[in-house]
């Protein structure tokens, strides 16, 4: 409990200072967090987890130095502490090809992003060598984090890290709920796109409402699945609180992508367990609709009905450039990646991850990502009912993640292990952790037979 308290204090202090542009005070707290890491392995792990998971820690520099963020600075004390522990298992502990495919898929996206930027650097003036180096360092930091905790720590310690991630999600959810409570007009305004680019709709703290909406949608599905499968047992307060906060945030986000994620996720869970209950889903939909601001929905519907042209209709419905995205999608189909085929960089209008992957990596790269998800889904063929209940839960969670990643990849760019421009975001960090943790549980299950 002491670590939850300390993390809460660090989180809300830094968030308050960032929200009020008090960057000198923010830097002092960050330095205190880094100093705190040197006291124990556990401290170093938890602070780095906070740094790689919360978006504003990655975007707000320390002491005005753009290349120095908590994520990068916290890596050094983490490595000093964690390397003092002996390695107790290999990273690819089960020696399976799916593990290698996943790491390769992440590296391919990152490498081809760098190749594309360097190929047409004139259109990427904001990408200086220092920023490209920082981008590479962020990828390395995340991979180092997973490598060392899964090769040096025991299962109980790793499970506590998962609990820390859930706790951070709760803290972030509280922050977003407070933003909405104090500034509801920003999120629910019908005055147009320009007015809505604000602290809540699109902000430097947590990304766009679709980004954090999808994160909380996925966290709800994970905690809902654990709650649904462990309902006979005593479930910890952290899982229940995460589930409650997540569904509240998703409901108030008005993110159609997040709503769709939850609907297909719950449907998958119930169908896979052969416990499909139409009344449960219908009741959930009615409950969500009853909590939405009806005036906002009616204004959006009115603007759609009054549209006098296809252009008006597109803006009224979502404002996305569907026609331009489709045209670009068709014009950029190549077998090999663009960086190797001679195509120059063009802004990708699409809201589809798979369109972006196709654009950056070509048809072969896209099929490789599809193949990865297929292998993850089929990797866990063991009937969860014949396993330990905890292992069965995480096996089903990984099947769920592979399924929703494939479906959501057609309508969003952020719901994957890594997005198409090579950033490992919150959803990616959560999914990677769950994959490695499921592999660890299978490893221990096989050794204890």
Protein backbone atom coordinates (compact mmCIF):
# COMPACT_ATOMS: atom_id res chain seq x y z
CA UNK A 1 0.00 0.00 0.00
CA UNK A 2 2.92 2.36 0.69
CA UNK A 3 3.99 2.24 -2.94
CA UNK A 4 0.46 3.07 -4.13
CA UNK A 5 0.49 6.12 -1.86
CA UNK A 6 3.89 7.31 -3.08
CA UNK A 7 2.97 6.80 -6.73
CA UNK A 8 -0.26 8.73 -6.18
CA UNK A 9 1.63 11.64 -4.65
CA UNK A 10 4.21 11.73 -7.45
CA UNK A 11 1.52 11.43 -10.13
CA UNK A 12 -0.81 14.16 -8.88
CA UNK A 13 2.01 16.55 -8.02
CA UNK A 14 3.52 16.32 -11.50
CA UNK A 15 0.10 16.43 -13.16
CA UNK A 16 -0.86 19.55 -11.20
CA UNK A 17 2.38 21.31 -12.12
CA UNK A 18 2.05 20.39 -15.81
CA UNK A 19 -1.59 21.46 -15.91
CA UNK A 20 -0.63 24.86 -14.50
CA UNK A 21 2.57 25.27 -16.58
CA UNK A 22 4.79 25.15 -13.48
CA UNK A 23 7.64 23.37 -15.24
CA UNK A 24 10.41 24.20 -12.77
CA UNK A 25 8.44 22.60 -9.94
CA UNK A 26 7.62 19.69 -12.25
CA UNK A 27 11.33 19.13 -12.91
CA UNK A 28 12.11 19.11 -9.19
CA UNK A 29 9.51 16.41 -8.54
CA UNK A 30 10.88 14.35 -11.45
CA UNK A 31 14.38 14.58 -9.98
CA UNK A 32 12.97 13.42 -6.64
CA UNK A 33 11.33 10.45 -8.41
CA UNK A 34 14.63 9.49 -10.02
CA UNK A 35 16.42 9.77 -6.65
CA UNK A 36 13.69 7.55 -5.15
CA UNK A 37 14.58 4.82 -7.67
CA UNK A 38 18.01 4.26 -6.14
CA UNK A 39 16.58 2.93 -2.86
CA UNK A 40 15.35 -0.44 -4.17
CA UNK A 41 14.67 -2.54 -7.25
CA UNK A 42 10.95 -2.20 -6.66
CA UNK A 43 11.18 1.59 -6.58
CA UNK A 44 13.18 1.69 -9.80
CA UNK A 45 10.69 -0.58 -11.58
CA UNK A 46 7.58 1.32 -10.48
CA UNK A 47 8.92 4.77 -11.39
CA UNK A 48 10.03 3.59 -14.83
CA UNK A 49 6.61 1.97 -15.31
CA UNK A 50 5.04 5.34 -14.51
CA UNK A 51 7.40 7.08 -16.95
CA UNK A 52 6.77 4.79 -19.93
CA UNK A 53 3.01 4.50 -19.39
CA UNK A 54 1.70 8.02 -18.70
CA UNK A 55 1.75 10.12 -21.90
CA UNK A 56 2.67 13.51 -20.42
CA UNK A 57 5.85 12.13 -18.84
CA UNK A 58 7.09 11.35 -22.35
CA UNK A 59 6.19 14.76 -23.80
CA UNK A 60 7.19 17.18 -21.02
CA UNK A 61 10.98 17.77 -20.83
CA UNK A 62 12.98 17.99 -17.62
CA UNK A 63 14.67 21.36 -16.89
CA UNK A 64 13.73 22.56 -20.37
CA UNK A 65 15.91 19.93 -22.06
CA UNK A 66 13.80 18.48 -24.89
CA UNK A 67 15.82 15.27 -25.07
CA UNK A 68 15.47 14.54 -21.34
CA UNK A 69 12.20 13.03 -20.12
CA UNK A 70 11.28 10.83 -17.18
CA UNK A 71 11.12 7.77 -19.41
CA UNK A 72 14.70 8.23 -20.56
CA UNK A 73 16.18 9.47 -17.28
CA UNK A 74 14.55 6.72 -15.21
CA UNK A 75 16.15 4.01 -17.34
CA UNK A 76 19.61 4.54 -15.80
CA UNK A 77 18.73 3.87 -12.13
CA UNK A 78 16.46 1.05 -13.29
CA UNK A 79 19.36 -0.67 -15.06
CA UNK A 80 21.68 -0.09 -12.08
CA UNK A 81 19.21 -1.73 -9.72
CA UNK A 82 17.85 -4.55 -11.88
CA UNK A 83 21.21 -5.78 -13.18
CA UNK A 84 22.24 -6.58 -9.60
CA UNK A 85 19.72 -9.42 -9.69
CA UNK A 86 20.63 -12.69 -11.37
CA UNK A 87 18.85 -13.86 -14.49
CA UNK A 88 16.44 -16.66 -13.61
CA UNK A 89 14.94 -17.38 -17.06
CA UNK A 90 15.31 -16.52 -20.73
CA UNK A 91 13.21 -13.76 -22.26
CA UNK A 92 11.70 -16.18 -24.77
CA UNK A 93 11.12 -18.59 -21.92
CA UNK A 94 8.97 -21.06 -23.91
CA UNK A 95 11.20 -20.90 -27.00
CA UNK A 96 8.21 -20.35 -29.30
CA UNK A 97 8.11 -18.63 -32.69
CA UNK A 98 5.18 -16.34 -31.79
CA UNK A 99 7.46 -14.56 -29.32
CA UNK A 100 10.04 -13.93 -32.04
CA UNK A 101 7.34 -12.82 -34.49
CA UNK A 102 6.03 -10.23 -32.05
CA UNK A 103 9.44 -8.70 -31.38
CA UNK A 104 10.16 -8.70 -35.15
CA UNK A 105 6.83 -7.01 -35.92
CA UNK A 106 7.58 -4.20 -33.47
CA UNK A 107 11.10 -3.71 -34.81
CA UNK A 108 9.89 -3.74 -38.42
CA UNK A 109 7.42 -0.91 -37.77
CA UNK A 110 10.07 1.12 -35.93
CA UNK A 111 12.83 0.52 -38.49
CA UNK A 112 10.71 1.29 -41.53
CA UNK A 113 9.48 4.46 -39.88
CA UNK A 114 13.07 5.65 -39.49
CA UNK A 115 13.89 4.59 -43.07
CA UNK A 116 10.88 6.46 -44.43
CA UNK A 117 11.75 9.62 -42.52
CA UNK A 118 15.37 9.53 -43.67
CA UNK A 119 14.33 8.74 -47.23
CA UNK A 120 12.35 11.97 -47.54
CA UNK A 121 13.74 14.12 -44.73
CA UNK A 122 12.64 17.31 -46.50
CA UNK A 123 9.04 16.63 -45.48
CA UNK A 124 10.10 15.87 -41.90
CA UNK A 125 11.84 19.06 -40.87
CA UNK A 126 10.70 18.54 -37.28
CA UNK A 127 12.61 15.23 -37.16
CA UNK A 128 16.11 16.34 -36.21
CA UNK A 129 18.85 13.75 -35.58
CA UNK A 130 18.43 14.32 -31.84
CA UNK A 131 14.69 13.61 -32.04
CA UNK A 132 15.24 10.49 -34.10
CA UNK A 133 17.78 9.33 -31.51
CA UNK A 134 15.27 10.06 -28.75
CA UNK A 135 12.58 8.13 -30.61
CA UNK A 136 14.93 5.15 -30.86
CA UNK A 137 15.81 5.47 -27.17
CA UNK A 138 12.12 5.33 -26.22
CA UNK A 139 11.66 2.04 -28.11
CA UNK A 140 14.79 0.61 -26.49
CA UNK A 141 13.64 1.73 -23.04
CA UNK A 142 10.32 -0.09 -23.34
CA UNK A 143 12.00 -3.28 -24.61
CA UNK A 144 14.67 -3.11 -21.87
CA UNK A 145 11.93 -2.70 -19.26
CA UNK A 146 10.16 -5.87 -20.39
CA UNK A 147 13.36 -7.81 -20.93
CA UNK A 148 14.74 -7.26 -17.45
CA UNK A 149 11.56 -7.66 -15.42
CA UNK A 150 10.68 -10.92 -17.18
CA UNK A 151 14.18 -12.37 -16.92
CA UNK A 152 15.16 -11.18 -13.41
CA UNK A 153 11.97 -11.02 -11.30
CA UNK A 154 9.77 -13.79 -9.90
CA UNK A 155 6.13 -14.19 -10.93
CA UNK A 156 4.73 -12.60 -7.78
CA UNK A 157 6.82 -9.44 -8.30
CA UNK A 158 5.74 -9.26 -11.94
CA UNK A 159 2.07 -9.60 -10.95
CA UNK A 160 2.51 -6.59 -8.68
CA UNK A 161 3.78 -4.61 -11.68
CA UNK A 162 0.54 -5.47 -13.50
CA UNK A 163 -1.36 -4.16 -10.45
CA UNK A 164 0.70 -0.96 -10.64
CA UNK A 165 -0.36 -0.50 -14.27
CA UNK A 166 -4.01 -0.91 -13.24
CA UNK A 167 -3.49 1.61 -10.45
CA UNK A 168 -1.95 4.12 -12.88
CA UNK A 169 -4.98 3.65 -15.15
CA UNK A 170 -7.20 4.54 -12.19
CA UNK A 171 -5.17 7.69 -11.50
CA UNK A 172 -5.33 8.71 -15.15
CA UNK A 173 -9.06 8.01 -15.22
CA UNK A 174 -9.64 10.22 -12.19
CA UNK A 175 -7.66 13.01 -13.88
CA UNK A 176 -9.76 12.79 -17.05
CA UNK A 177 -13.02 12.64 -15.10
CA UNK A 178 -12.00 15.80 -13.23
CA UNK A 179 -11.18 17.54 -16.52
CA UNK A 180 -14.61 16.62 -17.87
CA UNK A 181 -16.38 17.63 -14.65
CA UNK A 182 -14.83 21.09 -14.62
CA UNK A 183 -14.89 21.68 -18.40
CA UNK A 184 -17.80 19.70 -19.90
CA UNK A 185 -18.39 22.34 -22.56
CA UNK A 186 -15.06 21.49 -24.18
CA UNK A 187 -15.84 17.83 -24.74
CA UNK A 188 -19.50 18.15 -25.62
CA UNK A 189 -19.42 21.36 -27.62
CA UNK A 190 -21.18 21.32 -31.00
CA UNK A 191 -19.52 24.56 -32.15
CA UNK A 192 -17.17 22.87 -34.58
CA UNK A 193 -13.78 21.19 -34.78
CA UNK A 194 -11.73 24.34 -34.09
CA UNK A 195 -13.46 25.00 -30.78
CA UNK A 196 -13.17 21.40 -29.64
CA UNK A 197 -9.38 21.13 -29.95
CA UNK A 198 -9.02 21.83 -26.25
CA UNK A 199 -7.76 20.53 -22.96
CA UNK A 200 -10.05 17.49 -23.05
CA UNK A 201 -10.73 16.76 -26.70
CA UNK A 202 -7.09 16.85 -27.75
CA UNK A 203 -4.51 17.64 -25.11
CA UNK A 204 -0.81 17.28 -24.25
CA UNK A 205 -1.58 15.16 -21.19
CA UNK A 206 -3.33 12.01 -22.45
CA UNK A 207 -3.76 12.39 -26.22
CA UNK A 208 -7.07 12.56 -28.07
CA UNK A 209 -10.32 11.26 -26.59
CA UNK A 210 -10.16 8.31 -29.00
CA UNK A 211 -6.71 7.40 -27.67
CA UNK A 212 -7.64 7.44 -24.01
CA UNK A 213 -11.13 6.16 -24.80
CA UNK A 214 -9.66 3.04 -26.40
CA UNK A 215 -7.22 2.55 -23.53
CA UNK A 216 -10.01 2.59 -20.97
CA UNK A 217 -12.17 0.45 -23.24
CA UNK A 218 -9.47 -2.23 -23.30
CA UNK A 219 -8.82 -1.95 -19.56
CA UNK A 220 -12.55 -2.38 -18.95
CA UNK A 221 -12.63 -5.54 -21.07
CA UNK A 222 -9.62 -7.00 -19.26
CA UNK A 223 -11.00 -6.29 -15.79
CA UNK A 224 -14.53 -7.32 -16.83
CA UNK A 225 -13.19 -10.67 -18.02
CA UNK A 226 -11.32 -11.22 -14.76
CA UNK A 227 -14.39 -10.23 -12.77
CA UNK A 228 -16.68 -12.44 -14.87
CA UNK A 229 -14.43 -15.51 -14.55
CA UNK A 230 -13.50 -15.00 -10.89
CA UNK A 231 -16.91 -13.91 -9.65
CA UNK A 232 -17.14 -16.92 -7.33
CA UNK A 233 -13.82 -16.02 -5.73
CA UNK A 234 -12.93 -12.93 -3.76
CA UNK A 235 -11.71 -10.36 -6.29
CA UNK A 236 -9.29 -7.61 -5.29
CA UNK A 237 -10.47 -4.02 -5.02
CA UNK A 238 -8.00 -2.86 -7.68
CA UNK A 239 -9.67 -4.86 -10.44
CA UNK A 240 -13.17 -3.72 -9.46
CA UNK A 241 -12.16 -0.06 -9.17
CA UNK A 242 -10.36 -0.17 -12.53
CA UNK A 243 -13.46 -1.65 -14.14
CA UNK A 244 -15.72 1.05 -12.68
CA UNK A 245 -13.44 3.97 -13.54
CA UNK A 246 -12.82 2.61 -17.06
CA UNK A 247 -16.49 2.30 -17.99
CA UNK A 248 -17.19 5.78 -16.59
CA UNK A 249 -14.40 7.33 -18.67
CA UNK A 250 -15.43 5.47 -21.83
CA UNK A 251 -19.07 6.47 -21.38
CA UNK A 252 -18.25 10.16 -20.97
CA UNK A 253 -15.69 10.20 -23.78
CA UNK A 254 -18.34 9.97 -26.53
CA UNK A 255 -15.77 7.99 -28.50
CA UNK A 256 -17.58 5.76 -30.99
CA UNK A 257 -14.41 3.70 -31.43
CA UNK A 258 -14.27 3.01 -27.69
CA UNK A 259 -17.96 2.04 -27.65
CA UNK A 260 -17.41 -0.30 -30.59
CA UNK A 261 -14.35 -1.83 -28.89
CA UNK A 262 -16.36 -2.66 -25.78
CA UNK A 263 -19.30 -4.08 -27.75
CA UNK A 264 -17.17 -6.43 -29.86
CA UNK A 265 -15.03 -7.33 -26.85
CA UNK A 266 -17.94 -8.31 -24.61
CA UNK A 267 -19.60 -10.14 -27.48
CA UNK A 268 -16.40 -12.11 -28.08
CA UNK A 269 -16.03 -13.00 -24.39
CA UNK A 270 -19.60 -14.23 -24.02
CA UNK A 271 -19.65 -16.10 -27.32
CA UNK A 272 -16.30 -17.75 -26.66
CA UNK A 273 -17.49 -18.92 -23.27
CA UNK A 274 -20.86 -19.90 -24.76
CA UNK A 275 -22.57 -17.61 -22.30
CA UNK A 276 -24.14 -15.23 -24.80
CA UNK A 277 -26.90 -13.29 -23.09
CA UNK A 278 -28.80 -10.86 -25.36
CA UNK A 279 -30.48 -9.17 -22.42
CA UNK A 280 -27.13 -8.38 -20.82
CA UNK A 281 -25.80 -6.70 -23.97
CA UNK A 282 -29.07 -4.90 -24.61
CA UNK A 283 -29.12 -3.65 -21.05
CA UNK A 284 -25.53 -2.43 -21.35
CA UNK A 285 -26.31 -0.50 -24.53
CA UNK A 286 -29.40 1.07 -22.94
CA UNK A 287 -27.34 1.97 -19.88
CA UNK A 288 -24.66 3.68 -21.98
CA UNK A 289 -27.22 5.58 -24.04
CA UNK A 290 -29.00 6.76 -20.93
CA UNK A 291 -25.81 8.39 -19.68
CA UNK A 292 -24.99 10.30 -22.87
CA UNK A 293 -25.71 14.04 -23.25
CA UNK A 294 -28.80 13.92 -25.46
CA UNK A 295 -28.53 17.58 -26.52
CA UNK A 296 -25.11 16.89 -28.07
CA UNK A 297 -26.38 13.79 -29.90
CA UNK A 298 -29.46 15.63 -31.22
CA UNK A 299 -27.34 18.54 -32.47
CA UNK A 300 -25.01 16.11 -34.25
CA UNK A 301 -28.00 14.29 -35.77
CA UNK A 302 -29.58 17.58 -36.83
CA UNK A 303 -26.41 18.68 -38.63
CA UNK A 304 -26.32 15.33 -40.47
CA UNK A 305 -29.96 15.62 -41.59
CA UNK A 306 -29.45 19.20 -42.77
CA UNK A 307 -26.36 18.38 -44.84
CA UNK A 308 -26.77 19.68 -48.41
CA UNK A 309 -23.78 17.95 -49.93
CA UNK A 310 -21.55 14.92 -49.43
CA UNK A 311 -18.86 17.25 -48.08
CA UNK A 312 -21.27 18.58 -45.44
CA UNK A 313 -22.29 15.05 -44.55
CA UNK A 314 -18.72 13.92 -44.08
CA UNK A 315 -17.95 16.85 -41.79
CA UNK A 316 -21.17 16.47 -39.81
CA UNK A 317 -20.69 12.76 -39.21
CA UNK A 318 -17.04 12.68 -38.21
CA UNK A 319 -14.94 15.20 -40.08
CA UNK A 320 -12.57 12.50 -41.36
CA UNK A 321 -11.23 12.68 -44.88
CA UNK A 322 -12.58 9.32 -46.00
CA UNK A 323 -12.43 10.02 -49.73
CA UNK A 324 -8.84 11.27 -49.62
CA UNK A 325 -7.83 8.39 -47.36
CA UNK A 326 -9.36 5.80 -49.68
CA UNK A 327 -7.71 7.39 -52.71
CA UNK A 328 -4.33 7.45 -51.01
CA UNK A 329 -4.80 3.87 -49.83
CA UNK A 330 -5.32 2.69 -53.43
CA UNK A 331 -2.49 4.79 -54.83
CA UNK A 332 0.07 3.60 -52.29
CA UNK A 333 -0.34 -0.15 -52.57
CA UNK A 334 3.15 -1.58 -53.03
CA UNK A 335 4.49 -5.08 -52.47
CA UNK A 336 7.60 -3.88 -50.64
CA UNK A 337 7.88 -0.99 -48.16
CA UNK A 338 7.81 2.54 -49.56
CA UNK A 339 11.20 3.33 -48.10
CA UNK A 340 12.67 0.59 -50.30
CA UNK A 341 10.52 1.16 -53.39
CA UNK A 342 11.37 4.81 -54.05
CA UNK A 343 8.04 6.37 -53.07
CA UNK A 344 8.22 9.72 -51.29
CA UNK A 345 6.40 10.49 -48.10
CA UNK A 346 2.81 11.74 -48.26
CA UNK A 347 0.63 12.50 -45.28
CA UNK A 348 -1.54 9.54 -44.44
CA UNK A 349 -5.16 10.69 -44.11
CA UNK A 350 -6.49 7.36 -42.98
CA UNK A 351 -7.77 6.53 -39.52
CA UNK A 352 -6.88 2.89 -40.18
CA UNK A 353 -3.83 1.22 -38.71
CA UNK A 354 -3.78 -1.33 -41.51
CA UNK A 355 -3.85 1.40 -44.15
CA UNK A 356 -0.89 3.03 -42.43
CA UNK A 357 1.01 -0.26 -42.17
CA UNK A 358 0.31 -0.92 -45.85
CA UNK A 359 1.55 2.55 -46.73
CA UNK A 360 4.75 2.20 -44.70
CA UNK A 361 5.57 -1.50 -45.11
CA UNK A 362 3.80 -2.60 -48.29
CA UNK A 363 1.63 -5.67 -48.82
CA UNK A 364 4.26 -8.02 -47.41
CA UNK A 365 4.54 -5.99 -44.21
CA UNK A 366 0.76 -5.87 -43.79
CA UNK A 367 0.42 -9.64 -44.23
CA UNK A 368 3.19 -10.14 -41.70
CA UNK A 369 1.23 -8.17 -39.08
CA UNK A 370 -1.94 -10.15 -39.90
CA UNK A 371 0.03 -13.38 -39.60
CA UNK A 372 1.32 -12.30 -36.18
CA UNK A 373 -2.20 -11.77 -34.83
CA UNK A 374 -3.33 -15.09 -36.29
CA UNK A 375 -0.43 -16.88 -34.60
CA UNK A 376 -1.13 -15.19 -31.26
CA UNK A 377 -4.79 -16.20 -31.44
CA UNK A 378 -4.00 -19.81 -32.34
CA UNK A 379 -1.04 -20.00 -29.95
CA UNK A 380 -3.36 -20.45 -26.98
CA UNK A 381 -5.37 -23.52 -27.99
CA UNK A 382 -5.55 -25.00 -24.51
CA UNK A 383 -9.07 -25.10 -23.09
CA UNK A 384 -9.08 -22.52 -20.28
CA UNK A 385 -11.54 -24.63 -18.28
CA UNK A 386 -8.89 -27.35 -17.97
CA UNK A 387 -6.25 -24.96 -16.65
CA UNK A 388 -5.64 -23.11 -13.46
CA UNK A 389 -8.26 -20.33 -13.31
CA UNK A 390 -5.67 -17.52 -13.41
CA UNK A 391 -3.85 -19.00 -16.39
CA UNK A 392 -7.18 -19.59 -18.14
CA UNK A 393 -8.09 -15.93 -17.69
CA UNK A 394 -4.88 -14.62 -19.25
CA UNK A 395 -5.04 -17.14 -22.10
CA UNK A 396 -8.50 -15.82 -22.95
CA UNK A 397 -7.32 -12.21 -22.54
CA UNK A 398 -4.64 -12.76 -25.19
CA UNK A 399 -7.17 -14.28 -27.58
CA UNK A 400 -9.40 -11.26 -26.94
CA UNK A 401 -6.53 -8.82 -27.60
CA UNK A 402 -5.59 -10.51 -30.89
CA UNK A 403 -9.24 -10.42 -32.02
CA UNK A 404 -9.96 -6.77 -31.13
CA UNK A 405 -6.59 -5.60 -32.51
CA UNK A 406 -7.45 -7.11 -35.90
CA UNK A 407 -10.95 -5.60 -36.00
CA UNK A 408 -10.04 -2.19 -34.57
CA UNK A 409 -7.09 -1.89 -36.95
CA UNK A 410 -9.55 -1.06 -39.72
CA UNK A 411 -10.97 2.01 -37.96
CA UNK A 412 -8.19 3.39 -35.75
CA UNK A 413 -4.40 3.79 -35.78
CA UNK A 414 -3.74 3.37 -32.05
CA UNK A 415 -5.17 -0.02 -31.05
CA UNK A 416 -2.13 -2.25 -31.55
CA UNK A 417 1.20 -3.21 -29.99
CA UNK A 418 2.79 -0.29 -31.83
CA UNK A 419 1.16 2.31 -34.06
CA UNK A 420 2.10 2.63 -37.72
CA UNK A 421 4.52 5.52 -37.17
CA UNK A 422 6.46 3.49 -34.63
CA UNK A 423 5.29 4.67 -31.21
CA UNK A 424 4.56 2.17 -28.46
CA UNK A 425 1.60 3.80 -26.76
CA UNK A 426 -0.37 2.89 -23.64
CA UNK A 427 -2.45 0.17 -25.29
CA UNK A 428 0.71 -1.34 -26.76
CA UNK A 429 2.50 -1.36 -23.40
CA UNK A 430 -0.47 -3.02 -21.71
CA UNK A 431 -0.83 -5.63 -24.49
CA UNK A 432 2.90 -6.43 -24.51
CA UNK A 433 2.94 -6.87 -20.75
CA UNK A 434 -0.05 -9.22 -20.91
CA UNK A 435 1.57 -11.27 -23.68
CA UNK A 436 4.84 -11.70 -21.79
CA UNK A 437 2.99 -12.42 -18.54
CA UNK A 438 0.81 -15.07 -20.20
CA UNK A 439 3.96 -16.69 -21.58
CA UNK A 440 5.43 -16.68 -18.07
CA UNK A 441 2.34 -18.34 -16.63
CA UNK A 442 2.45 -21.02 -19.33
CA UNK A 443 6.13 -21.52 -18.59
CA UNK A 444 5.51 -22.03 -14.87
CA UNK A 445 2.47 -24.23 -15.60
CA UNK A 446 4.58 -26.50 -17.80
CA UNK A 447 7.34 -26.76 -15.20
CA UNK A 448 4.92 -27.58 -12.39
CA UNK A 449 3.10 -30.43 -14.16
